[in-house]
Amino acid sequence: MVHRWASEAESGFEGLQVEPFEGRPWDDIETEPLEPHTIRVSATVWRLIEQDASRQGITVSAWTRQALTREVTQTLKAS
């Protein structure tokens, strides 16, 4: 599979049409720089997070951001 991808890349991806665009694709999304923060969880909880992140095809960091955002959003809506 890797050899096929390398061959396609070397041949310039024949037949592929790329539509150029201006700007960055995420310009419409409000973003902030990410900062590292440390949390403490049990090994069991960490393994569950890793398993679910893997199932969803995302990183543990992305899983954690989603979970924290979902929780704080629900909490704020309830107040």
N, C-alpha and C. Protein backbone atom coordinates (compact mmCIF):
# COMPACT_ATOMS: atom_id res chain seq x y z
N MET A 1 0.83 -1.18 0.00
CA MET A 1 0.00 0.00 0.00
C MET A 1 0.89 1.26 0.00
N VAL A 2 1.93 1.24 0.82
CA VAL A 2 2.83 2.39 0.90
C VAL A 2 3.53 2.59 -0.43
N HIS A 3 3.93 1.49 -1.06
CA HIS A 3 4.59 1.60 -2.36
C HIS A 3 3.66 2.21 -3.40
N ARG A 4 2.38 1.83 -3.35
CA ARG A 4 1.39 2.40 -4.28
C ARG A 4 1.25 3.91 -4.05
N TRP A 5 1.16 4.31 -2.77
CA TRP A 5 1.03 5.73 -2.47
C TRP A 5 2.27 6.49 -2.93
N ALA A 6 3.43 5.91 -2.72
CA ALA A 6 4.67 6.56 -3.15
C ALA A 6 4.69 6.70 -4.67
N SER A 7 4.26 5.67 -5.35
CA SER A 7 4.21 5.71 -6.82
C SER A 7 3.24 6.79 -7.30
N GLU A 8 2.07 6.86 -6.65
CA GLU A 8 1.09 7.89 -7.03
C GLU A 8 1.66 9.29 -6.79
N ALA A 9 2.36 9.47 -5.67
CA ALA A 9 2.94 10.77 -5.36
C ALA A 9 4.02 11.13 -6.38
N GLU A 10 4.84 10.16 -6.73
CA GLU A 10 5.91 10.42 -7.68
C GLU A 10 5.37 10.73 -9.08
N SER A 11 4.20 10.17 -9.42
CA SER A 11 3.63 10.43 -10.75
C SER A 11 2.76 11.68 -10.76
N GLY A 12 2.70 12.37 -9.63
CA GLY A 12 1.94 13.62 -9.59
C GLY A 12 0.45 13.42 -9.39
N PHE A 13 0.05 12.27 -8.86
CA PHE A 13 -1.36 11.97 -8.60
C PHE A 13 -2.20 12.19 -9.85
N GLU A 14 -1.89 11.46 -10.91
CA GLU A 14 -2.60 11.58 -12.19
C GLU A 14 -4.10 11.51 -12.00
N GLY A 15 -4.83 12.38 -12.67
CA GLY A 15 -6.28 12.38 -12.63
C GLY A 15 -6.86 13.10 -11.43
N LEU A 16 -6.02 13.48 -10.49
CA LEU A 16 -6.50 14.18 -9.30
C LEU A 16 -6.70 15.65 -9.61
N GLN A 17 -7.87 16.16 -9.27
CA GLN A 17 -8.14 17.58 -9.47
C GLN A 17 -8.19 18.26 -8.12
N VAL A 18 -7.37 19.27 -7.97
CA VAL A 18 -7.32 20.01 -6.71
C VAL A 18 -7.88 21.39 -6.96
N GLU A 19 -8.85 21.77 -6.12
CA GLU A 19 -9.43 23.10 -6.25
C GLU A 19 -8.70 24.05 -5.31
N PRO A 20 -8.01 25.04 -5.87
CA PRO A 20 -7.29 25.99 -5.02
C PRO A 20 -8.27 26.87 -4.24
N PHE A 21 -7.83 27.32 -3.08
CA PHE A 21 -8.63 28.24 -2.28
C PHE A 21 -7.69 29.23 -1.63
N GLU A 22 -8.24 30.35 -1.25
CA GLU A 22 -7.45 31.38 -0.59
C GLU A 22 -7.67 31.32 0.90
N GLY A 23 -6.69 31.74 1.65
CA GLY A 23 -6.82 31.77 3.10
C GLY A 23 -6.59 30.40 3.71
N ARG A 24 -6.93 30.29 4.98
CA ARG A 24 -6.79 29.02 5.69
C ARG A 24 -8.16 28.39 5.83
N PRO A 25 -8.24 27.07 5.75
CA PRO A 25 -9.54 26.41 5.82
C PRO A 25 -10.23 26.59 7.17
N TRP A 26 -9.49 26.94 8.19
CA TRP A 26 -10.09 27.07 9.52
C TRP A 26 -10.36 28.53 9.90
N ASP A 27 -10.27 29.47 8.96
CA ASP A 27 -10.49 30.88 9.27
C ASP A 27 -11.88 31.17 9.83
N ASP A 28 -12.87 30.36 9.45
CA ASP A 28 -14.23 30.59 9.92
C ASP A 28 -14.45 30.07 11.34
N ILE A 29 -13.47 29.37 11.87
CA ILE A 29 -13.60 28.77 13.20
C ILE A 29 -12.78 29.58 14.19
N GLU A 30 -13.43 29.94 15.31
CA GLU A 30 -12.70 30.67 16.35
C GLU A 30 -11.73 29.70 17.02
N THR A 31 -10.46 30.06 17.00
CA THR A 31 -9.45 29.20 17.60
C THR A 31 -8.61 29.99 18.58
N GLU A 32 -8.11 29.32 19.54
CA GLU A 32 -7.19 29.90 20.51
C GLU A 32 -5.97 28.99 20.57
N PRO A 33 -4.83 29.55 20.95
CA PRO A 33 -3.66 28.67 21.13
C PRO A 33 -3.95 27.67 22.26
N LEU A 34 -3.45 26.46 22.11
CA LEU A 34 -3.63 25.45 23.13
C LEU A 34 -2.49 25.53 24.13
N GLU A 35 -2.80 25.30 25.39
CA GLU A 35 -1.80 25.32 26.46
C GLU A 35 -1.81 23.97 27.15
N PRO A 36 -0.65 23.48 27.54
CA PRO A 36 -0.63 22.21 28.28
C PRO A 36 -1.08 22.40 29.72
N HIS A 37 -1.88 21.47 30.21
CA HIS A 37 -2.33 21.45 31.60
C HIS A 37 -2.29 20.00 32.07
N THR A 38 -2.01 19.81 33.33
CA THR A 38 -1.90 18.46 33.87
C THR A 38 -3.11 18.13 34.71
N ILE A 39 -3.65 16.92 34.52
CA ILE A 39 -4.73 16.42 35.37
C ILE A 39 -4.31 15.06 35.89
N ARG A 40 -4.90 14.66 36.99
CA ARG A 40 -4.60 13.34 37.57
C ARG A 40 -5.83 12.46 37.43
N VAL A 41 -5.63 11.28 36.86
CA VAL A 41 -6.69 10.29 36.73
C VAL A 41 -6.10 8.92 37.05
N SER A 42 -6.96 8.00 37.42
CA SER A 42 -6.49 6.64 37.71
C SER A 42 -6.05 5.96 36.41
N ALA A 43 -5.26 4.92 36.56
CA ALA A 43 -4.81 4.16 35.38
C ALA A 43 -6.00 3.55 34.66
N THR A 44 -7.01 3.13 35.40
CA THR A 44 -8.20 2.54 34.79
C THR A 44 -8.93 3.55 33.93
N VAL A 45 -9.14 4.75 34.46
CA VAL A 45 -9.81 5.81 33.70
C VAL A 45 -8.98 6.17 32.47
N TRP A 46 -7.67 6.26 32.63
CA TRP A 46 -6.79 6.60 31.50
C TRP A 46 -6.92 5.56 30.39
N ARG A 47 -6.93 4.28 30.76
CA ARG A 47 -7.06 3.22 29.74
C ARG A 47 -8.41 3.32 29.04
N LEU A 48 -9.47 3.63 29.78
CA LEU A 48 -10.78 3.79 29.16
C LEU A 48 -10.79 4.96 28.18
N ILE A 49 -10.13 6.05 28.56
CA ILE A 49 -10.04 7.21 27.66
C ILE A 49 -9.26 6.84 26.41
N GLU A 50 -8.13 6.15 26.58
CA GLU A 50 -7.32 5.74 25.43
C GLU A 50 -8.13 4.83 24.49
N GLN A 51 -8.87 3.89 25.08
CA GLN A 51 -9.66 2.97 24.26
C GLN A 51 -10.74 3.71 23.48
N ASP A 52 -11.44 4.63 24.14
CA ASP A 52 -12.51 5.34 23.46
C ASP A 52 -11.95 6.29 22.40
N ALA A 53 -10.83 6.95 22.72
CA ALA A 53 -10.20 7.83 21.72
C ALA A 53 -9.78 7.02 20.50
N SER A 54 -9.21 5.86 20.73
CA SER A 54 -8.80 4.99 19.63
C SER A 54 -10.02 4.55 18.81
N ARG A 55 -11.10 4.20 19.49
CA ARG A 55 -12.33 3.79 18.80
C ARG A 55 -12.85 4.90 17.90
N GLN A 56 -12.72 6.16 18.39
CA GLN A 56 -13.21 7.30 17.62
C GLN A 56 -12.19 7.79 16.59
N GLY A 57 -10.97 7.26 16.66
CA GLY A 57 -9.93 7.67 15.71
C GLY A 57 -9.39 9.05 15.99
N ILE A 58 -9.34 9.43 17.28
CA ILE A 58 -8.81 10.74 17.65
C ILE A 58 -7.75 10.55 18.73
N THR A 59 -7.00 11.60 19.00
CA THR A 59 -5.98 11.53 20.03
C THR A 59 -6.63 11.64 21.41
N VAL A 60 -5.88 11.23 22.42
CA VAL A 60 -6.36 11.36 23.79
C VAL A 60 -6.57 12.84 24.12
N SER A 61 -5.69 13.70 23.63
CA SER A 61 -5.84 15.14 23.87
C SER A 61 -7.14 15.65 23.27
N ALA A 62 -7.43 15.26 22.03
CA ALA A 62 -8.67 15.69 21.39
C ALA A 62 -9.88 15.14 22.14
N TRP A 63 -9.80 13.88 22.57
CA TRP A 63 -10.90 13.27 23.33
C TRP A 63 -11.15 14.07 24.61
N THR A 64 -10.06 14.41 25.30
CA THR A 64 -10.16 15.13 26.56
C THR A 64 -10.74 16.53 26.35
N ARG A 65 -10.29 17.22 25.30
CA ARG A 65 -10.84 18.55 25.01
C ARG A 65 -12.33 18.47 24.73
N GLN A 66 -12.74 17.47 23.93
CA GLN A 66 -14.16 17.31 23.62
C GLN A 66 -14.97 17.04 24.89
N ALA A 67 -14.49 16.14 25.73
CA ALA A 67 -15.21 15.79 26.96
C ALA A 67 -15.32 16.98 27.89
N LEU A 68 -14.23 17.72 28.07
CA LEU A 68 -14.25 18.89 28.95
C LEU A 68 -15.17 19.97 28.39
N THR A 69 -15.09 20.21 27.09
CA THR A 69 -15.95 21.22 26.47
C THR A 69 -17.42 20.85 26.59
N ARG A 70 -17.73 19.58 26.34
CA ARG A 70 -19.11 19.11 26.45
C ARG A 70 -19.62 19.28 27.89
N GLU A 71 -18.82 18.92 28.86
CA GLU A 71 -19.23 19.02 30.26
C GLU A 71 -19.44 20.46 30.69
N VAL A 72 -18.51 21.32 30.38
CA VAL A 72 -18.63 22.72 30.82
C VAL A 72 -19.78 23.42 30.08
N THR A 73 -20.01 23.06 28.83
CA THR A 73 -21.12 23.64 28.07
C THR A 73 -22.46 23.22 28.68
N GLN A 74 -22.60 21.93 29.01
CA GLN A 74 -23.84 21.46 29.63
C GLN A 74 -24.05 22.09 31.00
N THR A 75 -22.98 22.23 31.75
CA THR A 75 -23.08 22.83 33.09
C THR A 75 -23.51 24.28 33.00
N LEU A 76 -22.93 25.02 32.05
CA LEU A 76 -23.28 26.44 31.89
C LEU A 76 -24.72 26.60 31.41
N LYS A 77 -25.18 25.71 30.54
CA LYS A 77 -26.56 25.79 30.06
C LYS A 77 -27.56 25.51 31.18
N ALA A 78 -27.16 24.65 32.12
CA ALA A 78 -28.04 24.26 33.21
C ALA A 78 -28.14 25.34 34.29
N SER A 79 -27.16 26.25 34.32
CA SER A 79 -27.18 27.28 35.39
C SER A 79 -28.08 28.43 35.07
